Amino acid sequence: MSGNRRKAFLVSAALIGGAMLMTACQNADAATGADAGASQGSSSSSPVATSTGGGGQGSDATNNDTSTSTGAGTGTGKGSEDGAGSGVDTGGGKREPVEQGCGANDISWSTRSESQAGGYILVVAKAKAGITCYLPAALPTVAFGSDGTQAGPAEQSVGEQIKLSGSTAAYAGVNPKTTDTDGGKELDSIIVGIGDDDFDPVSLPVGTITVDEPVVTNWHTDPADAVPFN
């Protein structure tokens, strides 16, 4: 190869290499420009993000309204809690349950005649199945006949409240005649209630008895304590 041709070849090679280098640089610049454009495009979407933020503020306002509504609901709940369940406020935010008092219709009744103390009627009271209730510390109400003759107290003081449940029984002794005279009225049943406010007293058969100034004991858990001594 002649020297002139060799020089021409080298010049051509240099020109081609320079052109390729320039092309590579242009491509790199274009890529950089594209990235910058994308970044600017992302930046230009900031108003959209701001708009979303605005929407979030609107949502917050809605949430505030919801919170207000929820607050009202919570207030109602607290009111319900304060009144929930039966009980007496014993202080310190605690409530003690009010126990259910017995009514005559909560009880399974039975009677039997006893010979002690000149003869008397033993009234036996048990709670019906599934019922737990309390007999008050007071005389049972015992009445006789259509005129409503009522038994007086056979004891000077009242007894204790008695819890009836399951097989637990309470006993009261009724002496239908405390006088020594021959007077009185012949009856074959007694009417028993839990206190004077019991609206459902029961009629219990007792056989033929003579009634004259009757008396009744308090409720007791031991039948030996329910003997109506004069």
Protein backbone atom coordinates (compact mmCIF):
# COMPACT_ATOMS: atom_id res chain seq x y z
CA MET A 1 0.00 0.00 0.00
CA SER A 2 1.41 3.40 -0.97
CA GLY A 3 2.00 6.03 1.69
CA ASN A 4 -0.74 8.29 0.36
CA ARG A 5 -3.32 5.55 0.39
CA ARG A 6 -2.23 4.52 3.90
CA LYS A 7 -2.68 8.09 5.17
CA ALA A 8 -6.07 8.34 3.49
CA PHE A 9 -7.14 5.10 5.16
CA LEU A 10 -6.05 6.29 8.58
CA VAL A 11 -7.83 9.60 8.12
CA SER A 12 -10.99 7.78 7.06
CA ALA A 13 -10.75 5.48 10.05
CA ALA A 14 -10.30 8.46 12.35
CA LEU A 15 -13.26 10.23 10.82
CA ILE A 16 -15.47 7.13 11.17
CA GLY A 17 -14.37 6.64 14.80
CA GLY A 18 -15.07 10.28 15.55
CA ALA A 19 -18.49 10.03 13.99
CA MET A 20 -19.31 6.93 16.05
CA LEU A 21 -18.10 8.66 19.20
CA MET A 22 -20.27 11.66 18.46
CA THR A 23 -23.25 9.38 17.80
CA ALA A 24 -22.69 7.62 21.13
CA CYS A 25 -22.49 10.94 22.93
CA GLN A 26 -25.68 12.13 21.25
CA ASN A 27 -27.48 8.93 22.29
CA ALA A 28 -26.26 9.39 25.86
CA ASP A 29 -27.43 12.99 25.81
CA ALA A 30 -30.78 11.89 24.44
CA ALA A 31 -31.13 9.30 27.19
CA THR A 32 -30.21 11.87 29.78
CA GLY A 33 -32.73 14.25 28.29
CA ALA A 34 -35.39 11.56 28.38
CA ASP A 35 -34.70 10.87 32.05
CA ALA A 36 -34.79 14.54 32.78
CA GLY A 37 -38.04 14.82 30.85
CA ALA A 38 -39.49 11.92 32.80
CA SER A 39 -38.38 13.56 36.02
CA GLN A 40 -39.94 16.81 34.89
CA GLY A 41 -43.08 14.90 33.91
CA SER A 42 -43.19 13.42 37.37
CA SER A 43 -42.63 16.86 38.77
CA SER A 44 -45.39 18.16 36.57
CA SER A 45 -47.70 15.54 38.13
CA SER A 46 -47.20 17.19 41.48
CA PRO A 47 -50.34 19.26 40.99
CA VAL A 48 -52.19 15.95 40.67
CA ALA A 49 -50.67 14.86 43.95
CA THR A 50 -51.69 18.18 45.45
CA SER A 51 -55.15 17.61 44.09
CA THR A 52 -55.16 14.20 45.74
CA GLY A 53 -54.07 15.88 48.92
CA GLY A 54 -57.03 18.19 48.56
CA GLY A 55 -59.23 15.16 48.15
CA GLY A 56 -57.66 13.77 51.33
CA GLN A 57 -58.57 16.95 53.13
CA GLY A 58 -62.11 16.55 51.94
CA SER A 59 -62.00 13.00 53.22
CA ASP A 60 -60.69 14.26 56.55
CA ALA A 61 -63.61 16.64 56.76
CA THR A 62 -65.92 13.75 56.06
CA ASN A 63 -64.10 11.72 58.68
CA ASN A 64 -64.55 14.55 61.11
CA ASP A 65 -68.28 14.41 60.48
CA THR A 66 -68.18 10.64 60.92
CA SER A 67 -66.17 11.06 64.09
CA THR A 68 -68.78 13.45 65.39
CA SER A 69 -71.50 10.94 64.57
CA THR A 70 -69.47 8.18 66.19
CA GLY A 71 -68.99 10.35 69.24
CA ALA A 72 -72.74 10.71 69.56
CA GLY A 73 -73.06 6.95 69.27
CA THR A 74 -70.46 6.47 71.98
CA GLY A 75 -72.37 8.79 74.23
CA THR A 76 -75.48 6.69 73.75
CA GLY A 77 -73.47 3.60 74.53
CA LYS A 78 -72.25 5.09 77.77
CA GLY A 79 -75.78 5.96 78.72
CA SER A 80 -76.76 2.38 78.04
CA GLU A 81 -73.85 1.13 80.12
CA ASP A 82 -74.81 3.30 83.05
CA GLY A 83 -78.31 1.86 82.96
CA ALA A 84 -77.36 -1.64 81.91
CA GLY A 85 -78.42 -4.44 84.21
CA SER A 86 -80.15 -4.22 87.52
CA GLY A 87 -78.18 -3.23 90.57
CA VAL A 88 -77.47 -0.69 93.23
CA ASP A 89 -74.55 1.70 92.91
CA THR A 90 -72.29 0.89 95.85
CA GLY A 91 -69.71 3.57 95.00
CA GLY A 92 -66.48 3.44 93.06
CA GLY A 93 -68.39 2.70 89.86
CA LYS A 94 -69.41 -0.75 91.11
CA ARG A 95 -72.89 -2.19 91.09
CA GLU A 96 -74.21 -4.98 93.24
CA PRO A 97 -77.00 -7.10 91.71
CA VAL A 98 -80.45 -6.78 93.19
CA GLU A 99 -81.58 -10.28 94.06
CA GLN A 100 -84.97 -11.48 92.90
CA GLY A 101 -87.57 -11.70 95.61
CA CYS A 102 -89.82 -14.76 95.67
CA GLY A 103 -93.45 -14.58 94.72
CA ALA A 104 -95.92 -17.29 95.63
CA ASN A 105 -95.96 -18.46 92.00
CA ASP A 106 -92.14 -19.03 92.10
CA ILE A 107 -92.56 -21.68 94.80
CA SER A 108 -93.60 -25.31 95.06
CA TRP A 109 -95.75 -25.51 98.19
CA SER A 110 -96.67 -28.30 100.55
CA THR A 111 -98.15 -28.60 104.04
CA ARG A 112 -98.25 -31.22 106.74
CA SER A 113 -99.87 -31.46 110.16
CA GLU A 114 -97.62 -31.61 113.20
CA SER A 115 -98.63 -32.57 116.76
CA GLN A 116 -96.06 -30.58 118.72
CA ALA A 117 -97.19 -27.52 120.69
CA GLY A 118 -100.80 -28.66 120.69
CA GLY A 119 -100.86 -29.19 116.94
CA TYR A 120 -99.98 -26.89 114.05
CA ILE A 121 -99.56 -26.78 110.28
CA LEU A 122 -96.05 -26.79 108.83
CA VAL A 123 -95.83 -24.89 105.54
CA VAL A 124 -92.93 -25.97 103.30
CA ALA A 125 -91.66 -23.74 100.48
CA LYS A 126 -89.16 -24.72 97.74
CA ALA A 127 -88.22 -22.79 94.61
CA LYS A 128 -89.56 -24.23 91.38
CA ALA A 129 -87.05 -25.79 88.98
CA GLY A 130 -84.71 -23.23 87.43
CA ILE A 131 -85.67 -20.46 89.87
CA THR A 132 -83.48 -18.82 92.50
CA CYS A 133 -85.20 -16.27 94.71
CA TYR A 134 -85.18 -14.82 98.21
CA LEU A 135 -87.81 -14.99 100.90
CA PRO A 136 -87.83 -11.68 102.75
CA ALA A 137 -86.99 -11.35 106.42
CA ALA A 138 -90.67 -10.98 107.28
CA LEU A 139 -93.69 -13.03 108.21
CA PRO A 140 -95.43 -14.96 105.46
CA THR A 141 -98.95 -13.76 104.85
CA VAL A 142 -101.41 -16.45 105.95
CA ALA A 143 -105.14 -15.87 105.71
CA PHE A 144 -108.18 -18.01 106.45
CA GLY A 145 -111.68 -18.15 105.01
CA SER A 146 -113.68 -15.80 102.88
CA ASP A 147 -113.49 -13.05 105.49
CA GLY A 148 -109.69 -12.93 105.17
CA THR A 149 -108.82 -13.58 108.80
CA GLN A 150 -105.05 -13.16 108.92
CA ALA A 151 -102.51 -14.89 111.17
CA GLY A 152 -100.57 -12.72 113.57
CA PRO A 153 -96.90 -13.12 114.48
CA ALA A 154 -95.86 -16.09 116.60
CA GLU A 155 -92.39 -14.59 117.15
CA GLN A 156 -91.37 -11.22 118.54
CA SER A 157 -88.71 -10.45 115.91
CA VAL A 158 -88.34 -11.14 112.22
CA GLY A 159 -85.93 -13.76 110.93
CA GLU A 160 -83.32 -13.61 108.19
CA GLN A 161 -83.72 -13.50 104.44
CA ILE A 162 -83.61 -17.01 102.96
CA LYS A 163 -82.27 -17.96 99.53
CA LEU A 164 -84.36 -20.63 97.83
CA SER A 165 -82.78 -22.68 95.07
CA GLY A 166 -82.66 -26.35 94.18
CA SER A 167 -83.50 -28.56 97.16
CA THR A 168 -83.26 -25.78 99.78
CA ALA A 169 -86.53 -25.44 101.69
CA ALA A 170 -88.00 -22.85 104.03
CA TYR A 171 -90.49 -23.64 106.77
CA ALA A 172 -93.15 -21.65 108.61
CA GLY A 173 -95.41 -22.95 111.34
CA VAL A 174 -99.08 -21.96 111.52
CA ASN A 175 -101.18 -22.40 114.65
CA PRO A 176 -104.79 -21.85 113.50
CA LYS A 177 -106.25 -21.67 117.03
CA THR A 178 -104.54 -20.08 120.01
CA THR A 179 -107.61 -19.59 122.23
CA ASP A 180 -108.94 -21.99 124.88
CA THR A 181 -112.58 -21.45 123.98
CA ASP A 182 -114.79 -23.67 121.90
CA GLY A 183 -115.40 -20.94 119.34
CA GLY A 184 -113.88 -20.61 115.90
CA LYS A 185 -114.69 -21.43 112.30
CA GLU A 186 -114.17 -24.70 110.53
CA LEU A 187 -112.01 -24.49 107.37
CA ASP A 188 -110.09 -26.88 105.17
CA SER A 189 -107.53 -24.61 103.45
CA ILE A 190 -105.26 -21.66 104.08
CA ILE A 191 -104.15 -18.87 101.77
CA VAL A 192 -100.41 -18.13 101.74
CA GLY A 193 -98.56 -15.21 100.15
CA ILE A 194 -95.05 -13.74 100.30
CA GLY A 195 -95.85 -10.60 102.22
CA ASP A 196 -98.87 -8.34 101.87
CA ASP A 197 -97.78 -7.19 98.38
CA ASP A 198 -97.94 -10.65 96.81
CA PHE A 199 -100.63 -10.48 94.12
CA ASP A 200 -100.64 -14.24 93.49
CA PRO A 201 -101.22 -15.97 96.85
CA VAL A 202 -101.93 -19.69 96.80
CA SER A 203 -104.61 -21.75 98.48
CA LEU A 204 -103.22 -24.81 100.27
CA PRO A 205 -105.35 -27.70 101.51
CA VAL A 206 -104.80 -28.50 105.19
CA GLY A 207 -107.70 -30.77 106.17
CA THR A 208 -110.41 -29.58 108.55
CA ILE A 209 -109.15 -27.05 111.07
CA THR A 210 -110.70 -24.71 113.60
CA VAL A 211 -109.52 -21.14 113.22
CA ASP A 212 -109.52 -18.66 116.08
CA GLU A 213 -106.84 -16.00 116.50
CA PRO A 214 -104.25 -17.83 114.35
CA VAL A 215 -100.49 -17.10 114.41
CA VAL A 216 -97.58 -17.88 112.08
CA THR A 217 -93.80 -18.02 112.54
CA ASN A 218 -91.12 -16.45 110.38
CA TRP A 219 -89.49 -18.45 107.62
CA HIS A 220 -86.78 -20.84 108.85
CA THR A 221 -84.38 -23.23 107.17
CA ASP A 222 -84.80 -25.77 109.99
CA PRO A 223 -88.35 -27.06 110.59
CA ALA A 224 -87.58 -27.42 114.31
CA ASP A 225 -87.34 -23.63 114.47
CA ALA A 226 -90.79 -23.18 112.93
CA VAL A 227 -92.83 -24.50 115.86
CA PRO A 228 -95.42 -21.83 116.82
CA PHE A 229 -95.26 -21.97 120.60
CA ASN A 230 -97.78 -19.82 122.40
